[in-house]
PDB file of N, CA and C in Angstrom:
ATOM      1  N   MET A   1       0.846  -1.176   0.000  1.00  0.00           N
ATOM      2  CA  MET A   1       0.000   0.000   0.000  1.00  0.00           C
ATOM      3  C   MET A   1       0.895   1.244   0.000  1.00  0.00           C
ATOM      4  N   ALA A   2       0.635   2.148  -0.884  1.00  0.00           N
ATOM      5  CA  ALA A   2       1.406   3.398  -0.946  1.00  0.00           C
ATOM      6  C   ALA A   2       1.001   4.320   0.195  1.00  0.00           C
ATOM      7  N   LEU A   3       1.946   5.149   0.608  1.00  0.00           N
ATOM      8  CA  LEU A   3       1.725   6.089   1.712  1.00  0.00           C
ATOM      9  C   LEU A   3       2.145   7.487   1.291  1.00  0.00           C
ATOM     10  N   ARG A   4       1.418   8.468   1.750  1.00  0.00           N
ATOM     11  CA  ARG A   4       1.852   9.863   1.621  1.00  0.00           C
ATOM     12  C   ARG A   4       2.647  10.175   2.874  1.00  0.00           C
ATOM     13  N   MET A   5       3.902  10.526   2.689  1.00  0.00           N
ATOM     14  CA  MET A   5       4.809  10.849   3.790  1.00  0.00           C
ATOM     15  C   MET A   5       4.973  12.357   3.836  1.00  0.00           C
ATOM     16  N   GLU A   6       4.689  12.944   4.983  1.00  0.00           N
ATOM     17  CA  GLU A   6       4.922  14.368   5.198  1.00  0.00           C
ATOM     18  C   GLU A   6       5.693  14.502   6.497  1.00  0.00           C
ATOM     19  N   TRP A   7       6.797  15.246   6.436  1.00  0.00           N
ATOM     20  CA  TRP A   7       7.586  15.415   7.654  1.00  0.00           C
ATOM     21  C   TRP A   7       8.151  16.817   7.696  1.00  0.00           C
ATOM     22  N   SER A   8       8.491  17.221   8.918  1.00  0.00           N
ATOM     23  CA  SER A   8       9.073  18.552   9.082  1.00  0.00           C
ATOM     24  C   SER A   8      10.024  18.547  10.260  1.00  0.00           C
ATOM     25  N   ILE A   9      10.905  19.541  10.236  1.00  0.00           N
ATOM     26  CA  ILE A   9      11.762  19.848  11.377  1.00  0.00           C
ATOM     27  C   ILE A   9      11.325  21.223  11.849  1.00  0.00           C
ATOM     28  N   GLU A  10      10.892  21.315  13.078  1.00  0.00           N
ATOM     29  CA  GLU A  10      10.403  22.567  13.636  1.00  0.00           C
ATOM     30  C   GLU A  10      11.549  23.367  14.236  1.00  0.00           C
ATOM     31  N   GLY A  11      11.312  24.625  14.475  1.00  0.00           N
ATOM     32  CA  GLY A  11      12.298  25.477  15.130  1.00  0.00           C
ATOM     33  C   GLY A  11      13.038  26.351  14.145  1.00  0.00           C
ATOM     34  N   PRO A  12      14.180  26.865  14.568  1.00  0.00           N
ATOM     35  CA  PRO A  12      14.917  27.812  13.721  1.00  0.00           C
ATOM     36  C   PRO A  12      15.425  27.193  12.416  1.00  0.00           C
ATOM     37  N   LEU A  13      15.530  25.879  12.371  1.00  0.00           N
ATOM     38  CA  LEU A  13      16.001  25.204  11.164  1.00  0.00           C
ATOM     39  C   LEU A  13      14.831  24.579  10.412  1.00  0.00           C
ATOM     40  N   PHE A  14      13.687  25.242  10.464  1.00  0.00           N
ATOM     41  CA  PHE A  14      12.467  24.703   9.894  1.00  0.00           C
ATOM     42  C   PHE A  14      12.653  24.246   8.457  1.00  0.00           C
ATOM     43  N   GLY A  15      12.106  23.100   8.185  1.00  0.00           N
ATOM     44  CA  GLY A  15      12.060  22.568   6.833  1.00  0.00           C
ATOM     45  C   GLY A  15      10.935  21.559   6.772  1.00  0.00           C
ATOM     46  N   ALA A  16      10.342  21.384   5.619  1.00  0.00           N
ATOM     47  CA  ALA A  16       9.258  20.427   5.458  1.00  0.00           C
ATOM     48  C   ALA A  16       9.363  19.780   4.088  1.00  0.00           C
ATOM     49  N   ALA A  17       8.874  18.550   3.994  1.00  0.00           N
ATOM     50  CA  ALA A  17       8.880  17.834   2.729  1.00  0.00           C
ATOM     51  C   ALA A  17       7.741  16.834   2.714  1.00  0.00           C
ATOM     52  N   GLY A  18       7.378  16.421   1.538  1.00  0.00           N
ATOM     53  CA  GLY A  18       6.356  15.403   1.390  1.00  0.00           C
ATOM     54  C   GLY A  18       6.558  14.647   0.096  1.00  0.00           C
ATOM     55  N   GLN A  19       6.170  13.393   0.102  1.00  0.00           N
ATOM     56  CA  GLN A  19       6.280  12.566  -1.086  1.00  0.00           C
ATOM     57  C   GLN A  19       5.500  11.283  -0.868  1.00  0.00           C
ATOM     58  N   THR A  20       5.334  10.523  -1.931  1.00  0.00           N
ATOM     59  CA  THR A  20       4.681   9.222  -1.835  1.00  0.00           C
ATOM     60  C   THR A  20       5.763   8.154  -1.758  1.00  0.00           C
ATOM     61  N   VAL A  21       5.565   7.204  -0.829  1.00  0.00           N
ATOM     62  CA  VAL A  21       6.501   6.095  -0.645  1.00  0.00           C
ATOM     63  C   VAL A  21       5.728   4.780  -0.723  1.00  0.00           C
ATOM     64  N   ARG A  22       6.444   3.694  -0.976  1.00  0.00           N
ATOM     65  CA  ARG A  22       5.801   2.377  -1.094  1.00  0.00           C
ATOM     66  C   ARG A  22       5.274   1.865   0.237  1.00  0.00           C
ATOM     67  N   ASP A  23       6.060   2.090   1.309  1.00  0.00           N
ATOM     68  CA  ASP A  23       5.713   1.508   2.602  1.00  0.00           C
ATOM     69  C   ASP A  23       6.479   2.233   3.709  1.00  0.00           C
ATOM     70  N   VAL A  24       6.280   1.793   4.928  1.00  0.00           N
ATOM     71  CA  VAL A  24       6.925   2.429   6.081  1.00  0.00           C
ATOM     72  C   VAL A  24       8.441   2.287   6.001  1.00  0.00           C
ATOM     73  N   GLN A  25       8.920   1.155   5.539  1.00  0.00           N
ATOM     74  CA  GLN A  25      10.373   0.962   5.429  1.00  0.00           C
ATOM     75  C   GLN A  25      11.004   2.004   4.513  1.00  0.00           C
ATOM     76  N   GLU A  26      10.358   2.295   3.394  1.00  0.00           N
ATOM     77  CA  GLU A  26      10.891   3.323   2.497  1.00  0.00           C
ATOM     78  C   GLU A  26      10.809   4.701   3.146  1.00  0.00           C
ATOM     79  N   ALA A  27       9.761   4.945   3.916  1.00  0.00           N
ATOM     80  CA  ALA A  27       9.641   6.227   4.629  1.00  0.00           C
ATOM     81  C   ALA A  27      10.785   6.392   5.630  1.00  0.00           C
ATOM     82  N   VAL A  28      11.143   5.327   6.318  1.00  0.00           N
ATOM     83  CA  VAL A  28      12.268   5.358   7.261  1.00  0.00           C
ATOM     84  C   VAL A  28      13.568   5.674   6.521  1.00  0.00           C
ATOM     85  N   GLN A  29      13.756   5.075   5.362  1.00  0.00           N
ATOM     86  CA  GLN A  29      14.970   5.346   4.585  1.00  0.00           C
ATOM     87  C   GLN A  29      15.041   6.816   4.175  1.00  0.00           C
ATOM     88  N   TRP A  30      13.908   7.389   3.757  1.00  0.00           N
ATOM     89  CA  TRP A  30      13.894   8.807   3.383  1.00  0.00           C
ATOM     90  C   TRP A  30      14.143   9.697   4.594  1.00  0.00           C
ATOM     91  N   LEU A  31      13.577   9.320   5.745  1.00  0.00           N
ATOM     92  CA  LEU A  31      13.831  10.088   6.968  1.00  0.00           C
ATOM     93  C   LEU A  31      15.323  10.095   7.275  1.00  0.00           C
ATOM     94  N   ASP A  32      15.945   8.932   7.240  1.00  0.00           N
ATOM     95  CA  ASP A  32      17.383   8.834   7.526  1.00  0.00           C
ATOM     96  C   ASP A  32      18.203   9.689   6.563  1.00  0.00           C
ATOM     97  N   THR A  33      17.909   9.580   5.278  1.00  0.00           N
ATOM     98  CA  THR A  33      18.635  10.348   4.268  1.00  0.00           C
ATOM     99  C   THR A  33      18.457  11.841   4.483  1.00  0.00           C
ATOM    100  N   SER A  34      17.235  12.260   4.741  1.00  0.00           N
ATOM    101  CA  SER A  34      16.942  13.685   4.909  1.00  0.00           C
ATOM    102  C   SER A  34      17.592  14.258   6.158  1.00  0.00           C
ATOM    103  N   VAL A  35      17.535  13.524   7.254  1.00  0.00           N
ATOM    104  CA  VAL A  35      18.154  13.987   8.496  1.00  0.00           C
ATOM    105  C   VAL A  35      19.661  14.121   8.303  1.00  0.00           C
ATOM    106  N   THR A  36      20.271  13.163   7.634  1.00  0.00           N
ATOM    107  CA  THR A  36      21.714  13.227   7.374  1.00  0.00           C
ATOM    108  C   THR A  36      22.064  14.457   6.542  1.00  0.00           C
ATOM    109  N   ARG A  37      21.269  14.742   5.536  1.00  0.00           N
ATOM    110  CA  ARG A  37      21.528  15.922   4.700  1.00  0.00           C
ATOM    111  C   ARG A  37      21.444  17.208   5.516  1.00  0.00           C
ATOM    112  N   VAL A  38      20.433  17.301   6.380  1.00  0.00           N
ATOM    113  CA  VAL A  38      20.284  18.492   7.227  1.00  0.00           C
ATOM    114  C   VAL A  38      21.483  18.621   8.150  1.00  0.00           C
ATOM    115  N   GLN A  39      21.878  17.519   8.761  1.00  0.00           N
ATOM    116  CA  GLN A  39      23.017  17.553   9.678  1.00  0.00           C
ATOM    117  C   GLN A  39      24.298  17.970   8.966  1.00  0.00           C
ATOM    118  N   ASP A  40      24.531  17.416   7.810  1.00  0.00           N
ATOM    119  CA  ASP A  40      25.757  17.722   7.076  1.00  0.00           C
ATOM    120  C   ASP A  40      25.794  19.168   6.595  1.00  0.00           C
ATOM    121  N   ALA A  41      24.638  19.711   6.293  1.00  0.00           N
ATOM    122  CA  ALA A  41      24.585  21.042   5.691  1.00  0.00           C
ATOM    123  C   ALA A  41      24.648  22.177   6.699  1.00  0.00           C
ATOM    124  N   ILE A  42      23.935  22.052   7.825  1.00  0.00           N
ATOM    125  CA  ILE A  42      23.760  23.270   8.618  1.00  0.00           C
ATOM    126  C   ILE A  42      23.816  23.142  10.125  1.00  0.00           C
ATOM    127  N   LEU A  43      23.911  21.971  10.674  1.00  0.00           N
ATOM    128  CA  LEU A  43      23.782  21.863  12.123  1.00  0.00           C
ATOM    129  C   LEU A  43      25.114  21.844  12.866  1.00  0.00           C
ATOM    130  N   PRO A  44      25.208  22.634  13.948  1.00  0.00           N
ATOM    131  CA  PRO A  44      26.357  22.468  14.844  1.00  0.00           C
ATOM    132  C   PRO A  44      26.250  21.106  15.537  1.00  0.00           C
ATOM    133  N   SER A  45      27.344  20.596  16.055  1.00  0.00           N
ATOM    134  CA  SER A  45      27.365  19.215  16.547  1.00  0.00           C
ATOM    135  C   SER A  45      26.368  18.933  17.666  1.00  0.00           C
ATOM    136  N   PHE A  46      26.157  19.853  18.605  1.00  0.00           N
ATOM    137  CA  PHE A  46      25.225  19.555  19.702  1.00  0.00           C
ATOM    138  C   PHE A  46      23.799  19.432  19.177  1.00  0.00           C
ATOM    139  N   GLU A  47      23.408  20.232  18.186  1.00  0.00           N
ATOM    140  CA  GLU A  47      22.073  20.109  17.607  1.00  0.00           C
ATOM    141  C   GLU A  47      21.988  18.868  16.724  1.00  0.00           C
ATOM    142  N   SER A  48      23.076  18.528  16.077  1.00  0.00           N
ATOM    143  CA  SER A  48      23.119  17.335  15.248  1.00  0.00           C
ATOM    144  C   SER A  48      22.914  16.085  16.103  1.00  0.00           C
ATOM    145  N   ASP A  49      23.548  16.039  17.266  1.00  0.00           N
ATOM    146  CA  ASP A  49      23.381  14.912  18.179  1.00  0.00           C
ATOM    147  C   ASP A  49      21.932  14.790  18.653  1.00  0.00           C
ATOM    148  N   ARG A  50      21.316  15.908  18.977  1.00  0.00           N
ATOM    149  CA  ARG A  50      19.913  15.902  19.419  1.00  0.00           C
ATOM    150  C   ARG A  50      19.007  15.409  18.297  1.00  0.00           C
ATOM    151  N   LEU A  51      19.233  15.896  17.091  1.00  0.00           N
ATOM    152  CA  LEU A  51      18.428  15.463  15.955  1.00  0.00           C
ATOM    153  C   LEU A  51      18.621  13.971  15.698  1.00  0.00           C
ATOM    154  N   SER A  52      19.828  13.458  15.842  1.00  0.00           N
ATOM    155  CA  SER A  52      20.086  12.022  15.674  1.00  0.00           C
ATOM    156  C   SER A  52      19.298  11.198  16.680  1.00  0.00           C
ATOM    157  N   GLN A  53      19.272  11.651  17.926  1.00  0.00           N
ATOM    158  CA  GLN A  53      18.517  10.941  18.960  1.00  0.00           C
ATOM    159  C   GLN A  53      17.022  10.942  18.637  1.00  0.00           C
ATOM    160  N   CYS A  54      16.507  12.086  18.213  1.00  0.00           N
ATOM    161  CA  CYS A  54      15.088  12.184  17.860  1.00  0.00           C
ATOM    162  C   CYS A  54      14.769  11.305  16.654  1.00  0.00           C
ATOM    163  N   ALA A  55      15.665  11.286  15.678  1.00  0.00           N
ATOM    164  CA  ALA A  55      15.453  10.459  14.487  1.00  0.00           C
ATOM    165  C   ALA A  55      15.460   8.974  14.844  1.00  0.00           C
ATOM    166  N   ARG A  56      16.332   8.571  15.750  1.00  0.00           N
ATOM    167  CA  ARG A  56      16.365   7.172  16.197  1.00  0.00           C
ATOM    168  C   ARG A  56      15.045   6.766  16.834  1.00  0.00           C
ATOM    169  N   LEU A  57      14.530   7.638  17.705  1.00  0.00           N
ATOM    170  CA  LEU A  57      13.246   7.355  18.353  1.00  0.00           C
ATOM    171  C   LEU A  57      12.101   7.337  17.335  1.00  0.00           C
ATOM    172  N   MET A  58      12.121   8.271  16.397  1.00  0.00           N
ATOM    173  CA  MET A  58      11.087   8.319  15.372  1.00  0.00           C
ATOM    174  C   MET A  58      11.121   7.056  14.521  1.00  0.00           C
ATOM    175  N   ARG A  59      12.310   6.645  14.125  1.00  0.00           N
ATOM    176  CA  ARG A  59      12.473   5.439  13.323  1.00  0.00           C
ATOM    177  C   ARG A  59      11.842   4.234  14.034  1.00  0.00           C
ATOM    178  N   ALA A  60      12.118   4.079  15.318  1.00  0.00           N
ATOM    179  CA  ALA A  60      11.575   2.955  16.085  1.00  0.00           C
ATOM    180  C   ALA A  60      10.043   3.016  16.130  1.00  0.00           C
ATOM    181  N   ARG A  61       9.495   4.200  16.357  1.00  0.00           N
ATOM    182  CA  ARG A  61       8.033   4.340  16.389  1.00  0.00           C
ATOM    183  C   ARG A  61       7.414   4.069  15.025  1.00  0.00           C
ATOM    184  N   MET A  62       8.088   4.519  13.979  1.00  0.00           N
ATOM    185  CA  MET A  62       7.561   4.277  12.632  1.00  0.00           C
ATOM    186  C   MET A  62       7.502   2.785  12.338  1.00  0.00           C
ATOM    187  N   LEU A  63       8.568   2.055  12.678  1.00  0.00           N
ATOM    188  CA  LEU A  63       8.614   0.630  12.382  1.00  0.00           C
ATOM    189  C   LEU A  63       7.656  -0.173  13.242  1.00  0.00           C
ATOM    190  N   ASP A  64       7.266   0.367  14.374  1.00  0.00           N
ATOM    191  CA  ASP A  64       6.331  -0.318  15.268  1.00  0.00           C
ATOM    192  C   ASP A  64       4.908   0.199  15.048  1.00  0.00           C
ATOM    193  N   GLU A  65       4.651   1.396  15.506  1.00  0.00           N
ATOM    194  CA  GLU A  65       3.301   1.956  15.480  1.00  0.00           C
ATOM    195  C   GLU A  65       2.802   2.274  14.083  1.00  0.00           C
ATOM    196  N   ALA A  66       3.631   2.941  13.288  1.00  0.00           N
ATOM    197  CA  ALA A  66       3.186   3.375  11.959  1.00  0.00           C
ATOM    198  C   ALA A  66       2.929   2.183  11.053  1.00  0.00           C
ATOM    199  N   ASP A  67       3.782   1.193  11.122  1.00  0.00           N
ATOM    200  CA  ASP A  67       3.589   0.017  10.280  1.00  0.00           C
ATOM    201  C   ASP A  67       2.266  -0.660  10.616  1.00  0.00           C
ATOM    202  N   SER A  68       1.966  -0.798  11.901  1.00  0.00           N
ATOM    203  CA  SER A  68       0.705  -1.415  12.319  1.00  0.00           C
ATOM    204  C   SER A  68      -0.501  -0.583  11.887  1.00  0.00           C
ATOM    205  N   ALA A  69      -0.437   0.721  12.137  1.00  0.00           N
ATOM    206  CA  ALA A  69      -1.571   1.603  11.818  1.00  0.00           C
ATOM    207  C   ALA A  69      -1.827   1.664  10.319  1.00  0.00           C
ATOM    208  N   THR A  70      -0.787   1.888   9.540  1.00  0.00           N
ATOM    209  CA  THR A  70      -0.997   2.042   8.094  1.00  0.00           C
ATOM    210  C   THR A  70      -1.420   0.734   7.441  1.00  0.00           C
ATOM    211  N   SER A  71      -0.998  -0.403   7.989  1.00  0.00           N
ATOM    212  CA  SER A  71      -1.442  -1.683   7.429  1.00  0.00           C
ATOM    213  C   SER A  71      -2.934  -1.893   7.650  1.00  0.00           C
ATOM    214  N   ARG A  72      -3.506  -1.200   8.639  1.00  0.00           N
ATOM    215  CA  ARG A  72      -4.962  -1.225   8.870  1.00  0.00           C
ATOM    216  C   ARG A  72      -5.673  -0.122   8.083  1.00  0.00           C
ATOM    217  N   GLY A  73      -4.905   0.661   7.313  1.00  0.00           N
ATOM    218  CA  GLY A  73      -5.488   1.738   6.525  1.00  0.00           C
ATOM    219  C   GLY A  73      -5.664   3.035   7.296  1.00  0.00           C
ATOM    220  N   GLU A  74      -5.045   3.136   8.467  1.00  0.00           N
ATOM    221  CA  GLU A  74      -5.168   4.323   9.312  1.00  0.00           C
ATOM    222  C   GLU A  74      -4.013   5.299   9.094  1.00  0.00           C
ATOM    223  N   ARG A  75      -4.302   6.559   9.269  1.00  0.00           N
ATOM    224  CA  ARG A  75      -3.281   7.610   9.232  1.00  0.00           C
ATOM    225  C   ARG A  75      -2.498   7.544  10.537  1.00  0.00           C
ATOM    226  N   TRP A  76      -1.180   7.803  10.469  1.00  0.00           N
ATOM    227  CA  TRP A  76      -0.325   7.791  11.659  1.00  0.00           C
ATOM    228  C   TRP A  76       0.482   9.077  11.698  1.00  0.00           C
ATOM    229  N   SER A  77       0.631   9.630  12.903  1.00  0.00           N
ATOM    230  CA  SER A  77       1.397  10.859  13.066  1.00  0.00           C
ATOM    231  C   SER A  77       2.101  10.848  14.414  1.00  0.00           C
ATOM    232  N   ALA A  78       3.279  11.439  14.452  1.00  0.00           N
ATOM    233  CA  ALA A  78       4.035  11.547  15.704  1.00  0.00           C
ATOM    234  C   ALA A  78       4.940  12.765  15.650  1.00  0.00           C
ATOM    235  N   THR A  79       5.221  13.298  16.842  1.00  0.00           N
ATOM    236  CA  THR A  79       6.191  14.379  16.995  1.00  0.00           C
ATOM    237  C   THR A  79       7.179  13.965  18.069  1.00  0.00           C
ATOM    238  N   ILE A  80       8.452  14.033  17.748  1.00  0.00           N
ATOM    239  CA  ILE A  80       9.518  13.739  18.709  1.00  0.00           C
ATOM    240  C   ILE A  80      10.525  14.861  18.588  1.00  0.00           C
ATOM    241  N   GLY A  81      10.638  15.661  19.637  1.00  0.00           N
ATOM    242  CA  GLY A  81      11.526  16.812  19.582  1.00  0.00           C
ATOM    243  C   GLY A  81      11.124  17.698  18.415  1.00  0.00           C
ATOM    244  N   PRO A  82      12.073  18.069  17.565  1.00  0.00           N
ATOM    245  CA  PRO A  82      11.753  18.947  16.446  1.00  0.00           C
ATOM    246  C   PRO A  82      11.187  18.212  15.222  1.00  0.00           C
ATOM    247  N   LEU A  83      11.148  16.880  15.270  1.00  0.00           N
ATOM    248  CA  LEU A  83      10.675  16.105  14.124  1.00  0.00           C
ATOM    249  C   LEU A  83       9.174  15.842  14.211  1.00  0.00           C
ATOM    250  N   ARG A  84       8.499  16.061  13.110  1.00  0.00           N
ATOM    251  CA  ARG A  84       7.078  15.728  12.995  1.00  0.00           C
ATOM    252  C   ARG A  84       6.914  14.870  11.745  1.00  0.00           C
ATOM    253  N   MET A  85       6.200  13.750  11.876  1.00  0.00           N
ATOM    254  CA  MET A  85       6.020  12.821  10.759  1.00  0.00           C
ATOM    255  C   MET A  85       4.559  12.421  10.679  1.00  0.00           C
ATOM    256  N   THR A  86       4.029  12.365   9.456  1.00  0.00           N
ATOM    257  CA  THR A  86       2.686  11.862   9.201  1.00  0.00           C
ATOM    258  C   THR A  86       2.762  10.929   8.012  1.00  0.00           C
ATOM    259  N   LEU A  87       2.144   9.764   8.158  1.00  0.00           N
ATOM    260  CA  LEU A  87       2.029   8.790   7.075  1.00  0.00           C
ATOM    261  C   LEU A  87       0.553   8.506   6.863  1.00  0.00           C
ATOM    262  N   THR A  88       0.106   8.690   5.630  1.00  0.00           N
ATOM    263  CA  THR A  88      -1.300   8.503   5.294  1.00  0.00           C
ATOM    264  C   THR A  88      -1.418   7.519   4.142  1.00  0.00           C
ATOM    265  N   PRO A  89      -2.147   6.401   4.349  1.00  0.00           N
ATOM    266  CA  PRO A  89      -2.360   5.457   3.246  1.00  0.00           C
ATOM    267  C   PRO A  89      -3.077   6.147   2.074  1.00  0.00           C
ATOM    268  N   THR A  90      -2.623   5.851   0.866  1.00  0.00           N
ATOM    269  CA  THR A  90      -3.219   6.490  -0.311  1.00  0.00           C
ATOM    270  C   THR A  90      -4.003   5.514  -1.173  1.00  0.00           C
ATOM    271  N   GLY A  91      -4.008   4.270  -0.838  1.00  0.00           N
ATOM    272  CA  GLY A  91      -4.796   3.355  -1.660  1.00  0.00           C
ATOM    273  C   GLY A  91      -4.350   1.947  -1.584  1.00  0.00           C
TER     274      GLY A  91
END
């Protein structure tokens, strides 16, 4: 089942993105790639470490809660620190 993935980083480094992914696993891969790009481009190390911790927690929740919810056709959303993620089944 395809999912609409929308995520953002809140705060002074605000950024948002959205796209369609095949499943939760692909959404996790995009989250990892995107967080790495943000860290490499603009974050001082203490903020980079915090974002890494938040991304780790988000990844775990996505693989547990989001996978279960979206497989039932339900929308899933979570906020951890500056990260906000929403996955919505599209069909």
